C-alpha atoms as a PDB file:
ATOM      1  CA  MET A   1     -18.634-299.203  84.527  1.00  0.00           C
ATOM      2  CA  ASN A   2     -15.058-298.366  85.288  1.00  0.00           C
ATOM      3  CA  ILE A   3     -12.430-299.660  83.070  1.00  0.00           C
ATOM      4  CA  LYS A   4     -10.022-300.537  85.321  1.00  0.00           C
ATOM      5  CA  ARG A   5     -12.676-302.909  87.339  1.00  0.00           C
ATOM      6  CA  ILE A   6     -12.417-304.209  83.927  1.00  0.00           C
ATOM      7  CA  ILE A   7      -8.841-304.303  83.076  1.00  0.00           C
ATOM      8  CA  THR A   8      -8.286-305.998  86.533  1.00  0.00           C
ATOM      9  CA  ALA A   9     -11.281-308.673  85.845  1.00  0.00           C
ATOM     10  CA  ALA A  10      -9.392-309.542  82.314  1.00  0.00           C
ATOM     11  CA  ILE A  11      -6.591-309.725  84.062  1.00  0.00           C
ATOM     12  CA  ALA A  12      -7.504-312.240  86.645  1.00  0.00           C
ATOM     13  CA  SER A  13      -9.377-314.313  84.186  1.00  0.00           C
ATOM     14  CA  ILE A  14      -6.182-314.522  82.127  1.00  0.00           C
ATOM     15  CA  THR A  15      -4.190-315.719  85.074  1.00  0.00           C
ATOM     16  CA  VAL A  16      -6.521-318.494  86.123  1.00  0.00           C
ATOM     17  CA  PHE A  17      -7.048-319.812  82.761  1.00  0.00           C
ATOM     18  CA  GLY A  18      -4.033-318.701  80.714  1.00  0.00           C
ATOM     19  CA  PHE A  19      -2.671-322.326  81.307  1.00  0.00           C
ATOM     20  CA  LEU A  20      -5.328-323.939  79.621  1.00  0.00           C
ATOM     21  CA  THR A  21      -5.425-321.186  76.646  1.00  0.00           C
ATOM     22  CA  GLY A  22      -2.236-320.393  75.863  1.00  0.00           C
ATOM     23  CA  CYS A  23      -0.412-317.161  74.622  1.00  0.00           C
ATOM     24  CA  SER A  24      -2.522-316.252  71.779  1.00  0.00           C
ATOM     25  CA  ASN A  25      -5.707-315.624  73.824  1.00  0.00           C
ATOM     26  CA  LEU A  26      -3.691-314.099  76.228  1.00  0.00           C
ATOM     27  CA  SER A  27      -2.839-311.741  73.008  1.00  0.00           C
ATOM     28  CA  SER A  28      -6.710-311.746  72.233  1.00  0.00           C
ATOM     29  CA  GLU A  29      -7.481-310.192  75.595  1.00  0.00           C
ATOM     30  CA  LEU A  30      -5.445-307.399  75.719  1.00  0.00           C
ATOM     31  CA  ASP A  31      -6.026-306.501  71.864  1.00  0.00           C
ATOM     32  CA  GLU A  32      -9.833-306.243  72.939  1.00  0.00           C
ATOM     33  CA  LEU A  33      -9.255-304.229  76.240  1.00  0.00           C
ATOM     34  CA  ALA A  34      -6.746-301.640  74.068  1.00  0.00           C
ATOM     35  CA  ALA A  35      -9.735-301.235  71.703  1.00  0.00           C
ATOM     36  CA  ALA A  36     -12.341-300.322  74.262  1.00  0.00           C
ATOM     37  CA  SER A  37     -11.689-296.895  73.384  1.00  0.00           C
ATOM     38  CA  LEU A  38      -9.978-294.221  71.372  1.00  0.00           C
ATOM     39  CA  SER A  39      -6.572-293.068  72.481  1.00  0.00           C
ATOM     40  CA  ALA A  40      -5.904-289.411  73.269  1.00  0.00           C
ATOM     41  CA  GLU A  41      -4.439-288.976  69.559  1.00  0.00           C
ATOM     42  CA  GLN A  42      -7.485-290.190  68.020  1.00  0.00           C
ATOM     43  CA  ILE A  43      -9.745-288.071  70.682  1.00  0.00           C
ATOM     44  CA  LYS A  44      -7.584-284.893  69.434  1.00  0.00           C
ATOM     45  CA  GLU A  45      -7.833-285.531  65.905  1.00  0.00           C
ATOM     46  CA  LEU A  46     -11.819-286.042  65.754  1.00  0.00           C
ATOM     47  CA  ARG A  47     -11.998-283.212  67.993  1.00  0.00           C
ATOM     48  CA  LYS A  48     -11.585-281.063  64.968  1.00  0.00           C
ATOM     49  CA  GLU A  49     -15.050-282.276  63.371  1.00  0.00           C
ATOM     50  CA  TYR A  50     -17.176-282.844  66.649  1.00  0.00           C
ATOM     51  CA  PRO A  51     -15.744-280.044  69.244  1.00  0.00           C
ATOM     52  CA  LEU A  52     -16.340-279.545  72.645  1.00  0.00           C
ATOM     53  CA  SER A  53     -18.718-277.138  73.864  1.00  0.00           C
ATOM     54  CA  THR A  54     -16.281-275.070  75.755  1.00  0.00           C
ATOM     55  CA  CYS A  55     -18.303-271.217  75.857  1.00  0.00           C
ATOM     56  CA  SER A  56     -21.145-269.745  77.898  1.00  0.00           C
ATOM     57  CA  PRO A  57     -23.800-267.465  77.072  1.00  0.00           C
ATOM     58  CA  VAL A  58     -23.549-263.626  77.699  1.00  0.00           C
ATOM     59  CA  ASN A  59     -25.242-262.497  80.843  1.00  0.00           C
ATOM     60  CA  VAL A  60     -26.710-265.805  81.357  1.00  0.00           C
ATOM     61  CA  ASP A  61     -26.021-267.618  84.822  1.00  0.00           C
ATOM     62  CA  LEU A  62     -26.323-270.983  84.146  1.00  0.00           C
ATOM     63  CA  ARG A  63     -25.244-273.838  86.274  1.00  0.00           C
ATOM     64  CA  ASP A  64     -23.618-277.366  85.506  1.00  0.00           C
ATOM     65  CA  LEU A  65     -26.849-280.285  85.533  1.00  0.00           C
ATOM     66  CA  THR A  66     -25.578-284.216  86.314  1.00  0.00           C
ATOM     67  CA  PHE A  67     -26.385-286.263  84.045  1.00  0.00           C
ATOM     68  CA  GLU A  68     -29.288-287.675  86.069  1.00  0.00           C
ATOM     69  CA  GLU A  69     -30.705-284.508  86.247  1.00  0.00           C
ATOM     70  CA  VAL A  70     -30.295-284.490  82.627  1.00  0.00           C
ATOM     71  CA  LEU A  71     -32.173-287.765  82.304  1.00  0.00           C
ATOM     72  CA  ASP A  72     -34.998-286.792  84.939  1.00  0.00           C
ATOM     73  CA  HIS A  73     -35.502-283.410  83.052  1.00  0.00           C
ATOM     74  CA  THR A  74     -36.227-284.883  79.359  1.00  0.00           C
ATOM     75  CA  ASP A  75     -38.439-287.227  77.992  1.00  0.00           C
ATOM     76  CA  THR A  76     -36.422-289.513  76.219  1.00  0.00           C
ATOM     77  CA  PHE A  77     -32.826-291.132  75.174  1.00  0.00           C
ATOM     78  CA  ILE A  78     -32.619-291.463  71.312  1.00  0.00           C
ATOM     79  CA  VAL A  79     -29.683-292.376  69.239  1.00  0.00           C
ATOM     80  CA  ALA A  80     -30.347-290.646  65.567  1.00  0.00           C
ATOM     81  CA  GLU A  81     -29.266-289.515  62.335  1.00  0.00           C
ATOM     82  CA  VAL A  82     -28.912-285.932  61.563  1.00  0.00           C
ATOM     83  CA  ILE A  83     -30.582-285.797  57.851  1.00  0.00           C
ATOM     84  CA  GLN A  84     -30.753-281.851  56.824  1.00  0.00           C
ATOM     85  CA  GLN A  85     -30.406-278.265  59.230  1.00  0.00           C
ATOM     86  CA  LEU A  86     -33.889-276.345  58.711  1.00  0.00           C
ATOM     87  CA  PRO A  87     -34.390-272.626  58.676  1.00  0.00           C
ATOM     88  CA  ASP A  88     -34.583-270.794  62.432  1.00  0.00           C
ATOM     89  CA  PHE A  89     -38.116-270.352  63.178  1.00  0.00           C
ATOM     90  CA  SER A  90     -39.903-267.837  65.765  1.00  0.00           C
ATOM     91  CA  VAL A  91     -42.386-268.670  68.078  1.00  0.00           C
ATOM     92  CA  ASP A  92     -45.196-265.909  69.832  1.00  0.00           C
ATOM     93  CA  LEU A  93     -44.837-266.505  73.161  1.00  0.00           C
ATOM     94  CA  ILE A  94     -47.863-266.738  75.702  1.00  0.00           C
ATOM     95  CA  THR A  95     -48.936-262.907  76.682  1.00  0.00           C
ATOM     96  CA  GLU A  96     -51.957-263.431  79.257  1.00  0.00           C
ATOM     97  CA  PRO A  97     -52.489-260.712  81.378  1.00  0.00           C
ATOM     98  CA  GLY A  98     -50.897-260.807  84.788  1.00  0.00           C
ATOM     99  CA  THR A  99     -47.658-262.879  83.372  1.00  0.00           C
ATOM    100  CA  PRO A 100     -44.055-262.094  83.480  1.00  0.00           C
ATOM    101  CA  GLU A 101     -44.259-262.444  79.340  1.00  0.00           C
ATOM    102  CA  GLY A 102     -47.627-260.543  79.551  1.00  0.00           C
ATOM    103  CA  ASN A 103     -46.353-257.335  81.628  1.00  0.00           C
ATOM    104  CA  LEU A 104     -43.109-257.626  79.112  1.00  0.00           C
ATOM    105  CA  ALA A 105     -45.204-257.636  76.208  1.00  0.00           C
ATOM    106  CA  GLU A 106     -47.284-254.245  77.813  1.00  0.00           C
ATOM    107  CA  LYS A 107     -44.217-252.352  78.234  1.00  0.00           C
ATOM    108  CA  LEU A 108     -42.967-253.423  74.384  1.00  0.00           C
ATOM    109  CA  LYS A 109     -46.149-252.208  73.176  1.00  0.00           C
ATOM    110  CA  ASP A 110     -46.003-248.950  75.585  1.00  0.00           C
ATOM    111  CA  SER A 111     -42.747-248.092  73.749  1.00  0.00           C
ATOM    112  CA  GLY A 112     -43.897-248.436  70.259  1.00  0.00           C
ATOM    113  CA  LEU A 113     -42.161-251.989  69.984  1.00  0.00           C
ATOM    114  CA  GLU A 114     -42.606-255.208  68.521  1.00  0.00           C
ATOM    115  CA  PRO A 115     -43.160-258.381  70.843  1.00  0.00           C
ATOM    116  CA  TYR A 116     -40.298-260.301  71.731  1.00  0.00           C
ATOM    117  CA  LYS A 117     -40.704-263.646  69.517  1.00  0.00           C
ATOM    118  CA  PRO A 118     -37.500-265.634  70.661  1.00  0.00           C
ATOM    119  CA  MET A 119     -35.922-267.918  67.534  1.00  0.00           C
ATOM    120  CA  PHE A 120     -35.126-271.509  67.383  1.00  0.00           C
ATOM    121  CA  THR A 121     -32.437-273.429  65.088  1.00  0.00           C
ATOM    122  CA  SER A 122     -34.201-276.572  63.827  1.00  0.00           C
ATOM    123  CA  PHE A 123     -32.701-279.832  62.446  1.00  0.00           C
ATOM    124  CA  GLN A 124     -34.259-282.872  60.902  1.00  0.00           C
ATOM    125  CA  VAL A 125     -32.872-286.587  62.171  1.00  0.00           C
ATOM    126  CA  ASN A 126     -34.101-290.058  61.878  1.00  0.00           C
ATOM    127  CA  VAL A 127     -34.195-292.164  64.757  1.00  0.00           C
ATOM    128  CA  ASP A 128     -32.532-295.417  64.684  1.00  0.00           C
ATOM    129  CA  GLN A 129     -33.330-296.616  68.737  1.00  0.00           C
ATOM    130  CA  VAL A 130     -34.873-295.539  71.938  1.00  0.00           C
ATOM    131  CA  VAL A 131     -32.574-295.726  74.529  1.00  0.00           C
ATOM    132  CA  THR A 132     -34.906-294.606  77.338  1.00  0.00           C
ATOM    133  CA  GLY A 133     -38.214-292.878  77.583  1.00  0.00           C
ATOM    134  CA  GLU A 134     -41.144-292.485  75.595  1.00  0.00           C
ATOM    135  CA  GLU A 135     -41.153-294.120  72.082  1.00  0.00           C
ATOM    136  CA  VAL A 136     -40.363-292.330  69.159  1.00  0.00           C
ATOM    137  CA  GLU A 137     -40.068-293.295  65.998  1.00  0.00           C
ATOM    138  CA  GLY A 138     -39.446-292.061  61.966  1.00  0.00           C
ATOM    139  CA  THR A 139     -38.244-288.349  60.838  1.00  0.00           C
ATOM    140  CA  PHE A 140     -38.760-285.207  63.524  1.00  0.00           C
ATOM    141  CA  ASN A 141     -36.920-282.066  64.406  1.00  0.00           C
ATOM    142  CA  LEU A 142     -34.747-281.430  67.448  1.00  0.00           C
ATOM    143  CA  ILE A 143     -34.681-277.370  68.549  1.00  0.00           C
ATOM    144  CA  TYR A 144     -32.838-275.474  70.778  1.00  0.00           C
ATOM    145  CA  ASP A 145     -33.055-271.568  71.431  1.00  0.00           C
ATOM    146  CA  SER A 146     -31.201-269.674  68.620  1.00  0.00           C
ATOM    147  CA  GLU A 147     -29.672-267.318  71.311  1.00  0.00           C
ATOM    148  CA  PHE A 148     -27.279-270.458  72.249  1.00  0.00           C
ATOM    149  CA  LYS A 149     -25.929-270.645  68.436  1.00  0.00           C
ATOM    150  CA  GLY A 150     -22.246-271.554  68.476  1.00  0.00           C
ATOM    151  CA  ILE A 151     -22.919-272.909  72.297  1.00  0.00           C
ATOM    152  CA  GLU A 152     -25.453-275.746  71.521  1.00  0.00           C
ATOM    153  CA  PRO A 153     -23.887-278.653  69.148  1.00  0.00           C
ATOM    154  CA  GLU A 154     -23.984-277.519  65.401  1.00  0.00           C
ATOM    155  CA  LEU A 155     -25.268-280.803  63.841  1.00  0.00           C
ATOM    156  CA  LYS A 156     -24.088-281.421  60.368  1.00  0.00           C
ATOM    157  CA  PRO A 157     -25.740-283.760  57.584  1.00  0.00           C
ATOM    158  CA  GLY A 158     -24.985-287.577  58.262  1.00  0.00           C
ATOM    159  CA  MET A 159     -23.789-287.098  61.525  1.00  0.00           C
ATOM    160  CA  LYS A 160     -25.080-289.836  64.543  1.00  0.00           C
ATOM    161  CA  ILE A 161     -25.960-288.509  67.805  1.00  0.00           C
ATOM    162  CA  VAL A 162     -27.194-290.132  71.247  1.00  0.00           C
ATOM    163  CA  ALA A 163     -29.606-286.942  72.811  1.00  0.00           C
ATOM    164  CA  ALA A 164     -31.925-286.633  75.559  1.00  0.00           C
ATOM    165  CA  ILE A 165     -34.407-284.888  74.256  1.00  0.00           C
ATOM    166  CA  LYS A 166     -37.822-283.311  75.429  1.00  0.00           C
ATOM    167  CA  LYS A 167     -40.941-282.950  73.777  1.00  0.00           C
ATOM    168  CA  GLY A 168     -41.745-279.094  72.443  1.00  0.00           C
ATOM    169  CA  VAL A 169     -44.013-277.055  73.623  1.00  0.00           C
ATOM    170  CA  GLY A 170     -47.004-274.712  71.702  1.00  0.00           C
ATOM    171  CA  GLU A 171     -48.126-275.266  68.354  1.00  0.00           C
ATOM    172  CA  GLU A 172     -44.946-273.533  66.975  1.00  0.00           C
ATOM    173  CA  GLN A 173     -42.929-276.409  68.631  1.00  0.00           C
ATOM    174  CA  LYS A 174     -45.580-279.275  68.209  1.00  0.00           C
ATOM    175  CA  GLY A 175     -44.266-282.509  66.732  1.00  0.00           C
ATOM    176  CA  SER A 176     -40.305-280.864  67.649  1.00  0.00           C
ATOM    177  CA  TYR A 177     -38.447-281.897  70.886  1.00  0.00           C
ATOM    178  CA  SER A 178     -35.412-279.672  72.386  1.00  0.00           C
ATOM    179  CA  PHE A 179     -32.516-281.210  73.025  1.00  0.00           C
ATOM    180  CA  THR A 180     -29.082-279.741  74.545  1.00  0.00           C
ATOM    181  CA  ARG A 181     -25.142-280.046  75.158  1.00  0.00           C
ATOM    182  CA  TYR A 182     -25.755-281.671  78.172  1.00  0.00           C
ATOM    183  CA  GLY A 183     -27.630-284.754  77.080  1.00  0.00           C
ATOM    184  CA  THR A 184     -25.664-285.127  73.898  1.00  0.00           C
ATOM    185  CA  TYR A 185     -23.161-287.406  72.332  1.00  0.00           C
ATOM    186  CA  TYR A 186     -21.166-287.673  68.799  1.00  0.00           C
ATOM    187  CA  VAL A 187     -21.417-291.233  67.371  1.00  0.00           C
ATOM    188  CA  VAL A 188     -17.966-291.352  66.012  1.00  0.00           C
ATOM    189  CA  ASP A 189     -15.873-294.301  64.120  1.00  0.00           C
ATOM    190  CA  GLY A 190     -18.574-296.553  63.641  1.00  0.00           C
ATOM    191  CA  ASP A 191     -19.576-297.353  67.304  1.00  0.00           C
ATOM    192  CA  TYR A 192     -17.437-294.778  69.478  1.00  0.00           C
ATOM    193  CA  VAL A 193     -18.780-291.879  71.642  1.00  0.00           C
ATOM    194  CA  LEU A 194     -18.039-288.388  72.490  1.00  0.00           C
ATOM    195  CA  SER A 195     -19.503-285.918  74.144  1.00  0.00           C
ATOM    196  CA  ALA A 196     -20.616-282.812  73.045  1.00  0.00           C
ATOM    197  CA  PHE A 197     -20.072-281.137  76.169  1.00  0.00           C
ATOM    198  CA  GLN A 198     -17.882-282.248  79.602  1.00  0.00           C
ATOM    199  CA  GLY A 199     -19.299-279.832  82.319  1.00  0.00           C
ATOM    200  CA  GLN A 200     -17.453-278.114  85.368  1.00  0.00           C
ATOM    201  CA  SER A 201     -19.318-280.228  88.498  1.00  0.00           C
ATOM    202  CA  GLU A 202     -17.397-283.270  89.647  1.00  0.00           C
ATOM    203  CA  GLU A 203     -20.601-285.217  88.568  1.00  0.00           C
ATOM    204  CA  MET A 204     -20.760-284.485  85.059  1.00  0.00           C
ATOM    205  CA  LYS A 205     -17.044-284.444  84.536  1.00  0.00           C
ATOM    206  CA  ALA A 206     -16.864-287.893  86.224  1.00  0.00           C
ATOM    207  CA  PHE A 207     -19.915-289.463  83.701  1.00  0.00           C
ATOM    208  CA  SER A 208     -17.926-287.915  80.653  1.00  0.00           C
ATOM    209  CA  ARG A 209     -14.756-289.618  81.923  1.00  0.00           C
ATOM    210  CA  ASP A 210     -16.430-293.007  82.358  1.00  0.00           C
ATOM    211  CA  THR A 211     -17.900-292.936  78.595  1.00  0.00           C
ATOM    212  CA  ASN A 212     -16.440-290.252  76.602  1.00  0.00           C
ATOM    213  CA  GLY A 213     -14.465-292.330  73.617  1.00  0.00           C
ATOM    214  CA  TYR A 214     -15.531-295.536  74.580  1.00  0.00           C
ATOM    215  CA  LYS A 215     -18.117-297.730  72.644  1.00  0.00           C
ATOM    216  CA  LEU A 216     -21.864-296.542  72.231  1.00  0.00           C
ATOM    217  CA  ASN A 217     -23.200-299.672  73.560  1.00  0.00           C
ATOM    218  CA  HIS A 218     -20.919-298.797  77.199  1.00  0.00           C
ATOM    219  CA  LEU A 219     -22.662-295.528  76.764  1.00  0.00           C
ATOM    220  CA  ILE A 220     -26.075-297.107  76.472  1.00  0.00           C
ATOM    221  CA  ALA A 221     -25.543-299.459  79.335  1.00  0.00           C
ATOM    222  CA  GLU A 222     -24.367-296.649  81.778  1.00  0.00           C
ATOM    223  CA  ILE A 223     -27.770-294.333  80.623  1.00  0.00           C
ATOM    224  CA  LYS A 224     -29.867-297.391  81.150  1.00  0.00           C
ATOM    225  CA  GLU A 225     -28.589-298.491  84.663  1.00  0.00           C
ATOM    226  CA  LEU A 226     -28.832-294.372  85.517  1.00  0.00           C
ATOM    227  CA  LYS A 227     -32.524-294.501  84.635  1.00  0.00           C
ATOM    228  CA  GLU A 228     -33.417-297.407  86.599  1.00  0.00           C
ATOM    229  CA  ASN A 229     -31.488-296.456  89.922  1.00  0.00           C
END
């Protein structure tokens, strides 16, 4: 939803009904519009605690996803509260003969090296609301590859987030869901949201501009609209 359209509609409404409602309602309308988003100064201050991810992983070439792609490649969008960070854990790769993983395992074995076991960073969260997608409830773990520490969101106990999540794979990830900065927002000051990532593509920047610093309900409405289209 474009804020300019909201303001235009509000002004038109005030013009039509102003003579009936009086000056007090005009002031109330403008106050409500001003409170619809955080100011630049408020956002700057909040970014000290809820930083925007701007780093890129070394030697990894990543392209920006659009928010529509984030929705298409994840199972569920949730609002959740962070309970705690859990110890990092490793997983065993499936190393069937003839697969890239299997070939790598053979090379490492021939060189006398241990098989590569990726590490994952994990956070325990409790679901407040499912916005779209598969139903999830209660408490579970959100994870990301530990290689991306310092790039992906560093969640802290008590934080409330909106996140696109995807069901984990393999026995070690059973009951866990992966998440990424591309589909994560922090809920701040009660019911406003700040994006964890803005991106470089025009599509990602546009979605961030239309939602960053606005109310949680506005973000939820935007997500549902994208999912329905």
